[in-house]
Amino acid sequence: MIDWASEQSIAGRAGQARFDRLAITSVFGDPLDLRTWSGAPARLAMALRRRGIGVVGIHSGGTRGEHILLGAQQSAMGFGVPAATEAILRGRMARQGAAARIASIIRQQGVRHVLHMGTLDLPAIDGASDVKHYVYCDHAWALSLRHRPDIDSYSPRAVRWFDELEREALSGLAHVFTFGRYVRDHLIEHYGLAPERVTAVGCGMGPIHPYYGGKDYAGGKLLFVAKHLFQAKGGELVLEAVEIARRTRPDLTLTIVGNPRVRRQIPRDPAITFHGHLPFEDLQGLYRDAALLVQPMLNDPWGQVYVEAMISRTPVLGLVRNGLPEIIEHGRHGFMVDRAEPRALAAAIIDAVGDPDRLARMGDSGLRHVLASYSWDRVAERIAFPPAQPANDDLAGRLAVPDPLPVAMPLSGAGPRQPTQAP
């Protein structure tokens, strides 16, 4: 099925295809499996295949036993005890092992173009001058340090080492593709990449359909979604904030979708409904039923959950961090809070639900924005077909983005609500 904002939203194809056959890699699992990396590599592969490009999937990560051994070696080298698998995968030995697996497979398959989902299986060690490597990333190591909740688990030496490894991984690539413009700008400023070698291509989403039906924006129905990392996605913050907000708005209700293992953290409260992992059709129904997605993610690089809510005409509320300002166009389609503090979040919730007409306008404008901007077909087109003349990566669009207004206040300019009709 073609994404909802596919061919009509893509500027005319200007250049020759970069490749006719491509390997997509991921250290987190089979990139052609929808369970890997929230399905992003698999959906991108589908979109590339719709354009006649052959795709090979490579799981470049090692086994659990290998990770344990690498963690012990890392600790013995003086980089501290890795607190998570990510810290092991960022090390040189894990990267070299992943790169070696890729080199072996592409040699057997005769593949000459490799798209890496992130930098953890780079730098490449295939040594073949005719193999071109690309990366598609949603974040970078140095950028993640601004808000990492686990930063205390990394020694200063490890922080410096990982930044050096990230710099090595990004060097020598044929091109770098990013989810957001903010990541593109960081790679240019911090790692010194040439602007013409970095393109922000956005992302798509799951098989969710745009919603044009009726919605109750006055009923105070809040939604929070976290398939994993409940605390890092802002779950504990949401629970505290909603408890405070209900002192002013006792009619507020909260629906949480999360890993069943966090159920014990959810208070027994008739105003709070918890669901374990749901079929996508049921999750789609919750998006459509909600008046506001409350998702104060502490350090999520992008957040497809925002896009999925917006295509359901549900405005979003989150922290002024990472990709959210870009996704909601600095407040046109949602609300932003400047600090991860329950009272600040509660005040923003009360402000948001206090104006149902504004929520409705934001819902309509958010839907239009997603349809025009976010699609795996659009991403595939920009990755596979470079423009005939290199552009300054949507510089005009970047200049057109207005400056943010004060905390938790949406930008004006959404205009009067227009009636929506299904196409």
Protein backbone atom coordinates (compact mmCIF):
# COMPACT_ATOMS: atom_id res chain seq x y z
CA MET A 1 0.00 0.00 0.00
CA ILE A 2 1.36 3.43 -0.91
CA ASP A 3 1.80 5.87 1.97
CA TRP A 4 -0.96 8.44 2.29
CA ALA A 5 1.26 11.36 1.30
CA SER A 6 3.11 9.59 -1.49
CA GLU A 7 3.52 10.64 -5.07
CA GLN A 8 1.46 13.82 -4.97
CA SER A 9 3.63 15.31 -2.21
CA ILE A 10 6.99 14.53 -3.84
CA ALA A 11 8.69 17.11 -5.98
CA GLY A 12 9.40 15.91 -9.49
CA ARG A 13 12.21 13.39 -9.80
CA ALA A 14 15.21 15.42 -10.94
CA GLY A 15 18.24 13.12 -11.02
CA GLN A 16 19.34 9.61 -11.90
CA ALA A 17 18.99 6.95 -9.22
CA ARG A 18 21.97 6.62 -6.91
CA PHE A 19 21.67 2.84 -7.06
CA ASP A 20 19.54 0.05 -8.44
CA ARG A 21 20.40 -2.39 -5.65
CA LEU A 22 21.01 -1.62 -2.00
CA ALA A 23 21.81 -3.33 1.29
CA ILE A 24 20.08 -1.91 4.39
CA THR A 25 21.77 -2.72 7.71
CA SER A 26 20.83 -2.54 11.38
CA VAL A 27 22.61 -3.65 14.55
CA PHE A 28 19.24 -4.07 16.31
CA GLY A 29 17.79 -6.87 14.19
CA ASP A 30 16.72 -7.83 10.69
CA PRO A 31 16.08 -4.49 8.97
CA LEU A 32 13.36 -6.07 6.84
CA ASP A 33 11.43 -7.12 9.95
CA LEU A 34 8.77 -4.63 11.05
CA ARG A 35 9.78 -5.22 14.67
CA THR A 36 13.22 -3.69 14.10
CA TRP A 37 13.71 0.00 14.92
CA SER A 38 9.96 0.70 15.02
CA GLY A 39 9.62 -0.69 11.50
CA ALA A 40 11.44 2.26 9.90
CA PRO A 41 14.00 0.28 7.83
CA ALA A 42 11.40 -2.27 6.69
CA ARG A 43 8.96 0.41 5.54
CA LEU A 44 11.75 2.30 3.79
CA ALA A 45 12.75 -0.93 2.04
CA MET A 46 9.16 -1.41 0.84
CA ALA A 47 9.09 2.13 -0.55
CA LEU A 48 12.43 1.64 -2.32
CA ARG A 49 11.20 -1.60 -3.88
CA ARG A 50 8.14 0.21 -5.19
CA ARG A 51 10.64 2.30 -7.13
CA GLY A 52 12.24 -0.77 -8.68
CA ILE A 53 15.27 -0.84 -6.37
CA GLY A 54 16.43 -4.22 -5.07
CA VAL A 55 16.96 -4.34 -1.30
CA VAL A 56 18.99 -6.79 0.78
CA GLY A 57 18.61 -6.76 4.57
CA ILE A 58 21.63 -7.32 6.85
CA HIS A 59 21.46 -7.76 10.63
CA SER A 60 24.92 -6.49 11.54
CA GLY A 61 24.65 -6.81 15.34
CA GLY A 62 26.24 -9.63 17.33
CA THR A 63 24.82 -12.16 19.77
CA ARG A 64 24.07 -11.61 23.43
CA GLY A 65 27.15 -13.65 24.35
CA GLU A 66 29.34 -11.48 22.15
CA HIS A 67 27.90 -8.36 23.76
CA ILE A 68 28.74 -9.65 27.25
CA LEU A 69 32.33 -10.36 26.19
CA LEU A 70 32.69 -6.95 24.52
CA GLY A 71 31.31 -5.24 27.62
CA ALA A 72 33.90 -6.96 29.79
CA GLN A 73 36.68 -5.94 27.42
CA GLN A 74 35.44 -2.35 27.38
CA SER A 75 35.43 -2.26 31.17
CA ALA A 76 38.95 -3.70 31.32
CA MET A 77 40.13 -0.92 29.01
CA GLY A 78 39.05 1.67 31.58
CA PHE A 79 35.79 2.87 30.01
CA GLY A 80 33.62 1.80 32.94
CA VAL A 81 31.01 -0.93 33.18
CA PRO A 82 28.51 -0.51 30.31
CA ALA A 83 25.11 0.31 31.78
CA ALA A 84 23.22 -0.72 28.65
CA THR A 85 23.68 -2.58 25.38
CA GLU A 86 23.95 0.75 23.56
CA ALA A 87 27.17 1.52 25.43
CA ILE A 88 28.63 -1.77 24.19
CA LEU A 89 27.50 -1.24 20.60
CA ARG A 90 29.11 2.22 20.56
CA GLY A 91 32.56 0.77 21.30
CA ARG A 92 35.21 0.23 18.63
CA MET A 93 35.26 -3.54 18.90
CA ALA A 94 31.50 -3.89 18.44
CA ARG A 95 31.58 -1.51 15.47
CA GLN A 96 34.41 -3.42 13.84
CA GLY A 97 32.60 -6.73 14.32
CA ALA A 98 29.44 -5.31 12.76
CA ALA A 99 31.38 -3.77 9.86
CA ALA A 100 33.11 -7.10 9.23
CA ARG A 101 29.76 -8.91 9.00
CA ILE A 102 28.53 -6.36 6.49
CA ALA A 103 31.72 -6.58 4.41
CA SER A 104 31.44 -10.37 4.22
CA ILE A 105 27.77 -10.38 3.20
CA ILE A 106 27.97 -7.63 0.57
CA ARG A 107 30.99 -9.37 -0.96
CA GLN A 108 28.98 -12.60 -1.23
CA GLN A 109 25.90 -10.75 -2.53
CA GLY A 110 27.77 -8.50 -4.94
CA VAL A 111 26.21 -5.37 -3.42
CA ARG A 112 27.95 -2.05 -4.04
CA HIS A 113 25.70 0.35 -2.08
CA VAL A 114 25.02 0.09 1.67
CA LEU A 115 22.57 2.19 3.70
CA HIS A 116 23.26 1.98 7.45
CA MET A 117 20.43 2.60 9.91
CA GLY A 118 22.52 4.68 12.29
CA THR A 119 26.28 4.76 12.77
CA LEU A 120 26.82 1.78 15.09
CA ASP A 121 28.07 -0.51 12.30
CA LEU A 122 30.45 2.14 10.94
CA PRO A 123 33.16 2.98 9.91
CA ALA A 124 33.14 0.49 7.05
CA ILE A 125 36.08 -1.90 6.71
CA ASP A 126 35.28 -3.50 3.34
CA GLY A 127 38.27 -1.77 1.77
CA ALA A 128 36.65 -1.80 -1.65
CA SER A 129 36.81 1.54 -3.41
CA ASP A 130 33.73 0.76 -5.50
CA VAL A 131 31.42 0.23 -2.47
CA LYS A 132 29.53 3.33 -1.39
CA HIS A 133 28.23 3.67 2.15
CA TYR A 134 25.36 5.92 3.29
CA VAL A 135 23.74 6.43 6.67
CA TYR A 136 20.17 7.29 7.68
CA CYS A 137 20.10 8.54 11.27
CA ASP A 138 17.75 10.20 13.73
CA HIS A 139 20.39 11.45 16.16
CA ALA A 140 24.13 11.72 16.86
CA TRP A 141 26.18 10.96 19.94
CA ALA A 142 27.14 14.54 20.83
CA LEU A 143 23.59 15.73 20.19
CA SER A 144 22.19 13.09 22.56
CA LEU A 145 24.32 14.44 25.42
CA ARG A 146 22.10 17.52 25.77
CA HIS A 147 19.30 15.57 27.44
CA ARG A 148 20.54 12.01 28.12
CA PRO A 149 18.86 10.82 31.36
CA ASP A 150 21.56 8.13 31.72
CA ILE A 151 24.59 10.38 31.17
CA ASP A 152 25.94 9.66 34.69
CA SER A 153 26.43 6.02 33.70
CA TYR A 154 29.09 7.06 31.14
CA SER A 155 32.58 7.98 32.29
CA PRO A 156 34.11 11.20 30.88
CA ARG A 157 36.60 9.05 29.00
CA ALA A 158 33.81 7.00 27.41
CA VAL A 159 31.96 10.18 26.39
CA ARG A 160 35.06 11.47 24.57
CA TRP A 161 35.81 8.07 23.03
CA PHE A 162 32.29 7.64 21.67
CA ASP A 163 32.43 11.11 20.14
CA GLU A 164 35.70 10.25 18.37
CA LEU A 165 34.18 7.01 17.09
CA GLU A 166 31.09 8.88 15.85
CA ARG A 167 33.33 11.29 13.95
CA GLU A 168 35.17 8.37 12.35
CA ALA A 169 31.89 6.68 11.47
CA LEU A 170 30.57 9.76 9.68
CA SER A 171 33.73 10.34 7.65
CA GLY A 172 34.12 8.86 4.21
CA LEU A 173 30.41 8.30 3.58
CA ALA A 174 28.93 8.94 0.16
CA HIS A 175 25.99 10.77 1.77
CA VAL A 176 24.27 11.21 5.12
CA PHE A 177 20.48 11.30 5.43
CA THR A 178 18.77 12.50 8.61
CA PHE A 179 15.25 12.38 9.97
CA GLY A 180 15.26 16.05 10.97
CA ARG A 181 16.86 19.30 9.90
CA TYR A 182 18.09 19.87 13.45
CA VAL A 183 20.23 16.72 13.18
CA ARG A 184 21.54 17.81 9.79
CA ASP A 185 22.58 21.17 11.20
CA HIS A 186 24.32 19.50 14.15
CA LEU A 187 26.30 17.12 11.93
CA ILE A 188 27.55 20.06 9.90
CA GLU A 189 28.38 22.25 12.89
CA HIS A 190 29.82 19.68 15.32
CA TYR A 191 31.30 16.98 13.07
CA GLY A 192 32.25 19.27 10.20
CA LEU A 193 30.38 17.46 7.43
CA ALA A 194 30.09 19.33 4.15
CA PRO A 195 26.53 20.71 3.79
CA GLU A 196 26.12 19.20 0.32
CA ARG A 197 26.74 15.72 1.78
CA VAL A 198 23.91 15.88 4.33
CA THR A 199 20.19 15.87 3.51
CA ALA A 200 17.22 15.94 5.89
CA VAL A 201 14.68 13.53 4.39
CA GLY A 202 12.14 13.15 7.21
CA CYS A 203 10.37 9.90 8.01
CA GLY A 204 7.13 8.06 7.41
CA MET A 205 4.88 6.15 9.80
CA GLY A 206 3.08 2.88 10.27
CA PRO A 207 -0.02 1.81 8.28
CA ILE A 208 -2.18 4.42 9.96
CA HIS A 209 -4.90 6.15 7.96
CA PRO A 210 -5.75 9.85 8.12
CA TYR A 211 -8.84 10.54 10.18
CA TYR A 212 -11.59 12.90 9.01
CA GLY A 213 -14.41 11.87 11.35
CA GLY A 214 -15.87 13.52 14.40
CA LYS A 215 -13.79 14.19 17.52
CA ASP A 216 -14.59 15.32 21.04
CA TYR A 217 -11.99 17.96 21.92
CA ALA A 218 -13.86 19.13 25.02
CA GLY A 219 -13.96 15.85 26.95
CA GLY A 220 -10.41 15.95 28.31
CA LYS A 221 -9.28 12.61 26.88
CA LEU A 222 -5.48 12.36 27.14
CA LEU A 223 -3.27 9.69 25.56
CA PHE A 224 0.30 8.48 26.24
CA VAL A 225 2.01 5.79 24.13
CA ALA A 226 5.27 4.00 24.97
CA LYS A 227 5.91 0.51 23.62
CA HIS A 228 9.13 0.45 25.65
CA LEU A 229 11.28 2.76 27.84
CA PHE A 230 8.30 3.98 29.87
CA GLN A 231 10.35 6.32 32.04
CA ALA A 232 12.48 7.72 29.20
CA LYS A 233 9.39 8.33 27.07
CA GLY A 234 8.01 10.48 29.90
CA GLY A 235 5.54 8.03 31.48
CA GLU A 236 6.33 8.81 35.12
CA LEU A 237 6.25 12.53 34.35
CA VAL A 238 2.83 12.19 32.71
CA LEU A 239 1.36 10.35 35.71
CA GLU A 240 2.52 13.05 38.11
CA ALA A 241 1.38 15.88 35.84
CA VAL A 242 -2.09 14.44 35.26
CA GLU A 243 -2.58 13.96 38.99
CA ILE A 244 -1.83 17.67 39.48
CA ALA A 245 -3.92 18.77 36.48
CA ARG A 246 -6.99 16.86 37.73
CA ARG A 247 -7.13 19.08 40.80
CA THR A 248 -8.23 21.80 38.38
CA ARG A 249 -9.88 19.59 35.75
CA PRO A 250 -11.29 16.52 37.55
CA ASP A 251 -12.91 15.36 34.30
CA LEU A 252 -9.54 14.58 32.69
CA THR A 253 -8.93 10.95 31.75
CA LEU A 254 -5.68 9.31 30.71
CA THR A 255 -5.19 6.28 28.47
CA ILE A 256 -1.74 4.67 28.55
CA VAL A 257 -0.42 2.20 26.00
CA GLY A 258 2.75 0.51 27.22
CA ASN A 259 4.70 -2.62 27.85
CA PRO A 260 2.71 -4.95 30.14
CA ARG A 261 5.71 -5.03 32.50
CA VAL A 262 5.04 -1.44 33.60
CA ARG A 263 1.43 -2.13 34.54
CA ARG A 264 2.37 -2.29 38.22
CA GLN A 265 3.57 1.34 38.01
CA ILE A 266 0.11 2.53 36.95
CA PRO A 267 -2.14 3.73 39.82
CA ARG A 268 -5.46 1.98 40.36
CA ASP A 269 -7.61 4.90 39.31
CA PRO A 270 -10.88 4.80 37.33
CA ALA A 271 -9.67 7.83 35.35
CA ILE A 272 -6.58 5.96 34.09
CA THR A 273 -6.87 3.13 31.57
CA PHE A 274 -3.85 0.97 30.75
CA HIS A 275 -3.41 -1.19 27.65
CA GLY A 276 -0.56 -3.56 26.90
CA HIS A 277 0.66 -3.86 23.34
CA LEU A 278 -2.33 -3.50 21.02
CA PRO A 279 -3.07 -4.45 17.41
CA PHE A 280 -2.38 -1.42 15.27
CA GLU A 281 -6.07 -1.04 14.42
CA ASP A 282 -6.89 -0.66 18.13
CA LEU A 283 -4.04 1.81 18.66
CA GLN A 284 -5.30 3.79 15.67
CA GLY A 285 -8.70 3.97 17.37
CA LEU A 286 -7.15 5.38 20.55
CA TYR A 287 -5.32 8.07 18.56
CA ARG A 288 -8.62 9.06 16.96
CA ASP A 289 -10.49 9.10 20.25
CA ALA A 290 -7.97 11.29 22.11
CA ALA A 291 -8.17 15.06 22.35
CA LEU A 292 -4.45 15.46 23.17
CA LEU A 293 -1.37 13.27 23.04
CA VAL A 294 0.73 14.03 26.14
CA GLN A 295 4.20 12.70 25.34
CA PRO A 296 7.04 14.53 27.18
CA MET A 297 9.87 12.30 25.90
CA LEU A 298 13.09 13.02 27.75
CA ASN A 299 15.53 12.38 24.90
CA ASP A 300 13.73 10.68 22.02
CA PRO A 301 15.41 11.89 18.82
CA TRP A 302 12.27 12.17 16.71
CA GLY A 303 9.07 10.43 17.75
CA GLN A 304 6.88 8.80 15.12
CA VAL A 305 4.18 8.75 17.80
CA TYR A 306 3.79 12.50 17.23
CA VAL A 307 3.22 12.01 13.51
CA GLU A 308 0.75 9.16 14.09
CA ALA A 309 -1.23 11.33 16.50
CA MET A 310 -1.28 14.30 14.14
CA ILE A 311 -2.57 12.27 11.18
CA SER A 312 -5.41 11.30 13.55
CA ARG A 313 -6.14 15.02 14.09
CA THR A 314 -4.85 14.79 17.66
CA PRO A 315 -2.61 17.69 18.74
CA VAL A 316 0.50 16.81 20.73
CA LEU A 317 2.15 18.13 23.87
CA GLY A 318 5.80 17.48 24.65
CA LEU A 319 9.13 18.99 25.66
CA VAL A 320 11.03 21.60 23.65
CA ARG A 321 13.66 19.03 22.73
CA ASN A 322 15.08 17.27 19.72
CA GLY A 323 12.60 16.72 16.88
CA LEU A 324 9.33 17.93 18.41
CA PRO A 325 9.67 21.65 17.54
CA GLU A 326 10.37 20.72 13.93
CA ILE A 327 7.53 18.19 13.69
CA ILE A 328 4.88 20.55 15.03
CA GLU A 329 6.37 23.56 13.25
CA HIS A 330 7.29 25.31 16.49
CA GLY A 331 3.79 25.21 17.93
CA ARG A 332 1.41 25.30 14.99
CA HIS A 333 0.08 21.81 15.63
CA GLY A 334 0.72 21.31 19.33
CA PHE A 335 2.24 22.55 22.57
CA MET A 336 5.74 22.62 24.01
CA VAL A 337 6.99 22.77 27.59
CA ASP A 338 10.48 24.02 28.37
CA ARG A 339 11.29 21.78 31.35
CA ALA A 340 10.63 18.19 32.39
CA GLU A 341 8.77 19.12 35.56
CA PRO A 342 5.30 17.83 36.58
CA ARG A 343 3.80 21.23 37.49
CA ALA A 344 4.93 22.81 34.22
CA LEU A 345 3.46 19.90 32.26
CA ALA A 346 0.22 20.04 34.26
CA ALA A 347 -0.16 23.76 33.53
CA ALA A 348 0.34 23.09 29.82
CA ILE A 349 -2.29 20.32 29.87
CA ILE A 350 -4.84 22.58 31.53
CA ASP A 351 -4.09 25.36 29.06
CA ALA A 352 -4.38 23.01 26.07
CA VAL A 353 -7.67 21.33 27.00
CA GLY A 354 -9.15 24.67 28.07
CA ASP A 355 -9.70 25.71 24.45
CA PRO A 356 -11.40 22.92 22.44
CA ASP A 357 -11.71 25.13 19.35
CA ARG A 358 -7.97 25.70 19.31
CA LEU A 359 -7.39 21.94 19.62
CA ALA A 360 -9.71 21.41 16.65
CA ARG A 361 -7.80 23.93 14.55
CA MET A 362 -4.51 22.33 15.50
CA GLY A 363 -5.90 18.90 14.69
CA ASP A 364 -6.87 19.99 11.18
CA SER A 365 -3.59 21.81 10.51
CA GLY A 366 -1.57 18.89 11.89
CA LEU A 367 -3.31 16.46 9.57
CA ARG A 368 -2.58 18.64 6.55
CA HIS A 369 1.06 19.03 7.62
CA VAL A 370 1.61 15.29 7.99
CA LEU A 371 -0.02 14.49 4.65
CA ALA A 372 2.23 17.04 2.94
CA SER A 373 5.46 16.18 4.75
CA TYR A 374 5.79 12.65 6.16
CA SER A 375 5.76 9.54 4.00
CA TRP A 376 8.13 6.60 3.47
CA ASP A 377 7.62 7.09 -0.27
CA ARG A 378 8.84 10.65 0.11
CA VAL A 379 11.88 9.47 2.11
CA ALA A 380 12.69 6.77 -0.46
CA GLU A 381 12.46 9.29 -3.27
CA ARG A 382 14.87 11.70 -1.63
CA ILE A 383 17.35 8.96 -0.74
CA ALA A 384 17.31 7.16 -4.08
CA PHE A 385 17.04 10.10 -6.47
CA PRO A 386 19.35 13.07 -5.79
CA PRO A 387 18.32 16.42 -7.25
CA ALA A 388 19.95 17.46 -10.51
CA GLN A 389 21.28 20.58 -8.76
CA PRO A 390 22.31 20.19 -5.09
CA ALA A 391 20.05 22.34 -2.94
CA ASN A 392 20.81 23.89 0.42
CA ASP A 393 18.50 21.32 1.99
CA ASP A 394 15.25 23.24 2.12
CA LEU A 395 16.89 26.45 3.25
CA ALA A 396 13.85 28.43 2.16
CA GLY A 397 11.60 26.15 4.19
CA ARG A 398 13.85 26.53 7.19
CA LEU A 399 13.76 30.31 6.95
CA ALA A 400 9.97 30.18 6.71
CA VAL A 401 9.64 28.43 10.09
CA PRO A 402 8.58 31.06 12.64
CA ASP A 403 10.34 31.51 15.94
CA PRO A 404 8.69 29.74 18.88
CA LEU A 405 6.38 31.68 21.15
CA PRO A 406 6.47 31.36 24.95
CA VAL A 407 6.16 27.99 26.62
CA ALA A 408 2.97 25.96 26.11
CA MET A 409 1.41 28.53 23.80
CA PRO A 410 0.67 27.60 20.18
CA LEU A 411 1.65 29.87 17.35
CA SER A 412 -1.08 31.92 15.79
CA GLY A 413 -1.80 31.62 12.13
CA ALA A 414 -3.75 28.37 12.04
CA GLY A 415 -6.70 30.44 10.89
CA PRO A 416 -10.37 29.64 11.25
CA ARG A 417 -11.25 25.98 11.25
CA GLN A 418 -12.06 24.66 7.80
CA PRO A 419 -14.42 21.73 7.26
CA THR A 420 -12.54 18.54 6.46
CA GLN A 421 -13.62 16.00 3.89
CA ALA A 422 -12.31 12.60 3.03
CA PRO A 423 -10.56 12.49 -0.35
